């Protein structure tokens, strides 16, 4: 599990809110910093994959733990 600089808890939010919150949080971060996102929407798996490809931010890791989806995004 990578170290992270900020954490975003998007539990209980449905698409596209986790992505929008992540985008807003990343905007306030420095290049190279890592954002850990917690989501509960199963659709967030493909959403964050697509978001990373579209924005050029690196999706370092994604995992599922007891109904929660954890993502690590590195700001480009």
N, C-alpha and C. Protein backbone atom coordinates (compact mmCIF):
# COMPACT_ATOMS: atom_id res chain seq x y z
N UNK A 1 0.85 -1.19 0.00
CA UNK A 1 0.00 0.00 0.00
C UNK A 1 0.89 1.25 0.00
N UNK A 2 0.76 2.08 -1.02
CA UNK A 2 1.62 3.27 -1.10
C UNK A 2 1.33 4.27 0.02
N UNK A 3 2.34 5.02 0.39
CA UNK A 3 2.11 6.15 1.28
C UNK A 3 1.27 7.16 0.51
N UNK A 4 0.51 7.98 1.22
CA UNK A 4 -0.30 8.97 0.53
C UNK A 4 -0.25 10.30 1.26
N UNK A 5 -0.50 11.37 0.50
CA UNK A 5 -0.43 12.73 1.03
C UNK A 5 -1.78 13.22 1.51
N UNK A 6 -2.84 12.78 0.84
CA UNK A 6 -4.19 13.18 1.22
C UNK A 6 -5.12 12.00 1.07
N UNK A 7 -6.25 12.07 1.78
CA UNK A 7 -7.24 11.01 1.71
C UNK A 7 -8.61 11.62 1.43
N UNK A 8 -9.36 10.96 0.58
CA UNK A 8 -10.72 11.38 0.24
C UNK A 8 -11.65 10.22 0.53
N UNK A 9 -12.60 10.44 1.42
CA UNK A 9 -13.59 9.41 1.72
C UNK A 9 -14.86 9.71 0.93
N UNK A 10 -15.08 8.94 -0.13
CA UNK A 10 -16.26 9.14 -0.98
C UNK A 10 -17.28 8.03 -0.73
N UNK A 11 -17.22 7.41 0.44
CA UNK A 11 -18.17 6.34 0.78
C UNK A 11 -19.59 6.86 0.72
N UNK A 12 -20.47 6.03 0.16
CA UNK A 12 -21.89 6.39 0.08
C UNK A 12 -22.24 7.28 -1.09
N UNK A 13 -21.24 7.74 -1.82
CA UNK A 13 -21.50 8.59 -2.98
C UNK A 13 -21.55 7.74 -4.24
N UNK A 14 -22.49 8.06 -5.12
CA UNK A 14 -22.59 7.33 -6.38
C UNK A 14 -21.99 8.14 -7.51
N UNK A 15 -21.65 7.42 -8.57
CA UNK A 15 -21.08 8.02 -9.77
C UNK A 15 -21.96 9.19 -10.21
N UNK A 16 -21.41 10.31 -10.60
CA UNK A 16 -19.98 10.59 -10.78
C UNK A 16 -19.34 11.32 -9.60
N UNK A 17 -20.00 11.37 -8.45
CA UNK A 17 -19.49 12.18 -7.34
C UNK A 17 -18.09 11.79 -6.85
N UNK A 18 -17.77 10.49 -6.71
CA UNK A 18 -16.39 10.18 -6.28
C UNK A 18 -15.33 10.75 -7.22
N UNK A 19 -15.60 10.69 -8.52
CA UNK A 19 -14.66 11.23 -9.51
C UNK A 19 -14.56 12.75 -9.39
N UNK A 20 -15.70 13.41 -9.25
CA UNK A 20 -15.70 14.87 -9.16
C UNK A 20 -14.97 15.34 -7.91
N UNK A 21 -15.19 14.64 -6.80
CA UNK A 21 -14.50 15.00 -5.55
C UNK A 21 -13.00 14.75 -5.68
N UNK A 22 -12.62 13.65 -6.33
CA UNK A 22 -11.21 13.33 -6.52
C UNK A 22 -10.54 14.39 -7.40
N UNK A 23 -11.24 14.80 -8.45
CA UNK A 23 -10.71 15.81 -9.36
C UNK A 23 -10.46 17.12 -8.61
N UNK A 24 -11.43 17.50 -7.79
CA UNK A 24 -11.32 18.74 -7.01
C UNK A 24 -10.16 18.66 -6.02
N UNK A 25 -10.03 17.51 -5.35
CA UNK A 25 -8.95 17.33 -4.38
C UNK A 25 -7.59 17.35 -5.07
N UNK A 26 -7.49 16.65 -6.21
CA UNK A 26 -6.23 16.62 -6.96
C UNK A 26 -5.82 18.02 -7.43
N UNK A 27 -6.80 18.85 -7.77
CA UNK A 27 -6.50 20.21 -8.23
C UNK A 27 -5.74 21.01 -7.18
N UNK A 28 -5.97 20.69 -5.91
CA UNK A 28 -5.30 21.40 -4.83
C UNK A 28 -4.01 20.75 -4.37
N UNK A 29 -3.59 19.71 -5.07
CA UNK A 29 -2.39 18.98 -4.68
C UNK A 29 -1.22 19.28 -5.60
N UNK A 30 0.00 18.99 -5.12
CA UNK A 30 1.21 19.19 -5.90
C UNK A 30 1.44 17.99 -6.83
N UNK A 31 2.14 18.23 -7.92
CA UNK A 31 2.51 17.16 -8.83
C UNK A 31 3.34 16.12 -8.08
N UNK A 32 3.02 14.84 -8.31
CA UNK A 32 3.76 13.76 -7.65
C UNK A 32 3.16 13.31 -6.33
N UNK A 33 2.22 14.10 -5.79
CA UNK A 33 1.58 13.69 -4.54
C UNK A 33 0.56 12.59 -4.80
N UNK A 34 0.25 11.82 -3.76
CA UNK A 34 -0.64 10.67 -3.90
C UNK A 34 -1.92 10.88 -3.09
N UNK A 35 -3.03 10.62 -3.75
CA UNK A 35 -4.35 10.73 -3.13
C UNK A 35 -4.92 9.34 -2.94
N UNK A 36 -5.33 9.04 -1.70
CA UNK A 36 -6.00 7.76 -1.41
C UNK A 36 -7.50 8.04 -1.38
N UNK A 37 -8.24 7.27 -2.16
CA UNK A 37 -9.69 7.46 -2.26
C UNK A 37 -10.38 6.21 -1.76
N UNK A 38 -11.41 6.40 -0.94
CA UNK A 38 -12.25 5.30 -0.48
C UNK A 38 -13.63 5.52 -1.08
N UNK A 39 -14.14 4.51 -1.78
CA UNK A 39 -15.46 4.60 -2.40
C UNK A 39 -16.24 3.32 -2.12
N UNK A 40 -17.56 3.41 -2.23
CA UNK A 40 -18.39 2.23 -2.03
C UNK A 40 -19.19 1.88 -3.29
N UNK A 41 -19.11 2.71 -4.30
CA UNK A 41 -19.83 2.47 -5.55
C UNK A 41 -19.03 1.49 -6.42
N UNK A 42 -19.59 0.29 -6.72
CA UNK A 42 -18.86 -0.68 -7.54
C UNK A 42 -18.46 -0.12 -8.90
N UNK A 43 -19.22 0.84 -9.41
CA UNK A 43 -18.89 1.46 -10.69
C UNK A 43 -17.63 2.28 -10.65
N UNK A 44 -17.17 2.60 -9.45
CA UNK A 44 -15.99 3.46 -9.32
C UNK A 44 -14.72 2.77 -9.84
N UNK A 45 -14.73 1.44 -9.91
CA UNK A 45 -13.55 0.72 -10.40
C UNK A 45 -13.25 1.14 -11.84
N UNK A 46 -14.25 1.01 -12.70
CA UNK A 46 -14.01 1.39 -14.10
C UNK A 46 -13.94 2.91 -14.24
N UNK A 47 -14.66 3.63 -13.38
CA UNK A 47 -14.63 5.10 -13.45
C UNK A 47 -13.22 5.64 -13.17
N UNK A 48 -12.58 5.13 -12.12
CA UNK A 48 -11.25 5.65 -11.78
C UNK A 48 -10.21 5.19 -12.79
N UNK A 49 -10.40 4.02 -13.37
CA UNK A 49 -9.51 3.54 -14.42
C UNK A 49 -9.58 4.50 -15.62
N UNK A 50 -10.79 4.82 -16.02
CA UNK A 50 -10.99 5.74 -17.15
C UNK A 50 -10.51 7.14 -16.81
N UNK A 51 -10.78 7.59 -15.59
CA UNK A 51 -10.36 8.93 -15.15
C UNK A 51 -8.84 9.06 -15.23
N UNK A 52 -8.13 8.04 -14.77
CA UNK A 52 -6.66 8.06 -14.79
C UNK A 52 -6.16 8.16 -16.23
N UNK A 53 -6.75 7.37 -17.12
CA UNK A 53 -6.33 7.39 -18.54
C UNK A 53 -6.61 8.75 -19.17
N UNK A 54 -7.77 9.32 -18.88
CA UNK A 54 -8.17 10.59 -19.49
C UNK A 54 -7.34 11.76 -18.99
N UNK A 55 -6.96 11.73 -17.71
CA UNK A 55 -6.31 12.89 -17.10
C UNK A 55 -4.79 12.76 -17.06
N UNK A 56 -4.26 11.55 -17.27
CA UNK A 56 -2.83 11.36 -17.21
C UNK A 56 -2.30 11.15 -15.80
N UNK A 57 -3.18 11.16 -14.80
CA UNK A 57 -2.77 10.84 -13.44
C UNK A 57 -2.58 9.32 -13.36
N UNK A 58 -1.64 8.87 -12.54
CA UNK A 58 -1.36 7.43 -12.44
C UNK A 58 -2.25 6.78 -11.40
N UNK A 59 -2.96 5.73 -11.81
CA UNK A 59 -3.68 4.90 -10.85
C UNK A 59 -2.69 3.84 -10.38
N UNK A 60 -2.12 4.07 -9.20
CA UNK A 60 -1.05 3.21 -8.70
C UNK A 60 -1.58 1.86 -8.23
N UNK A 61 -2.76 1.91 -7.62
CA UNK A 61 -3.28 0.68 -7.03
C UNK A 61 -4.77 0.83 -6.83
N UNK A 62 -5.49 -0.28 -6.98
CA UNK A 62 -6.90 -0.29 -6.59
C UNK A 62 -7.18 -1.64 -5.95
N UNK A 63 -7.96 -1.62 -4.90
CA UNK A 63 -8.28 -2.87 -4.21
C UNK A 63 -9.67 -2.76 -3.61
N UNK A 64 -10.18 -3.91 -3.17
CA UNK A 64 -11.50 -3.95 -2.57
C UNK A 64 -11.37 -4.62 -1.21
N UNK A 65 -11.90 -3.97 -0.19
CA UNK A 65 -11.86 -4.51 1.17
C UNK A 65 -13.24 -4.40 1.78
N UNK A 66 -13.91 -5.51 1.92
CA UNK A 66 -15.21 -5.53 2.59
C UNK A 66 -16.22 -4.53 2.07
N UNK A 67 -16.36 -4.47 0.75
CA UNK A 67 -17.35 -3.57 0.16
C UNK A 67 -16.86 -2.15 -0.05
N UNK A 68 -15.63 -1.87 0.36
CA UNK A 68 -15.04 -0.55 0.11
C UNK A 68 -13.96 -0.71 -0.95
N UNK A 69 -13.92 0.24 -1.87
CA UNK A 69 -12.95 0.24 -2.95
C UNK A 69 -11.91 1.31 -2.65
N UNK A 70 -10.65 0.91 -2.66
CA UNK A 70 -9.56 1.81 -2.32
C UNK A 70 -8.72 2.07 -3.57
N UNK A 71 -8.48 3.34 -3.84
CA UNK A 71 -7.69 3.74 -5.01
C UNK A 71 -6.56 4.66 -4.57
N UNK A 72 -5.43 4.50 -5.23
CA UNK A 72 -4.31 5.40 -5.02
C UNK A 72 -3.99 6.07 -6.34
N UNK A 73 -4.19 7.39 -6.40
CA UNK A 73 -3.93 8.16 -7.61
C UNK A 73 -2.73 9.07 -7.37
N UNK A 74 -1.79 9.05 -8.29
CA UNK A 74 -0.63 9.93 -8.22
C UNK A 74 -0.84 11.07 -9.20
N UNK A 75 -0.79 12.30 -8.68
CA UNK A 75 -1.02 13.46 -9.55
C UNK A 75 0.13 13.62 -10.53
N UNK A 76 -0.24 13.87 -11.78
CA UNK A 76 0.80 14.00 -12.82
C UNK A 76 1.59 15.29 -12.64
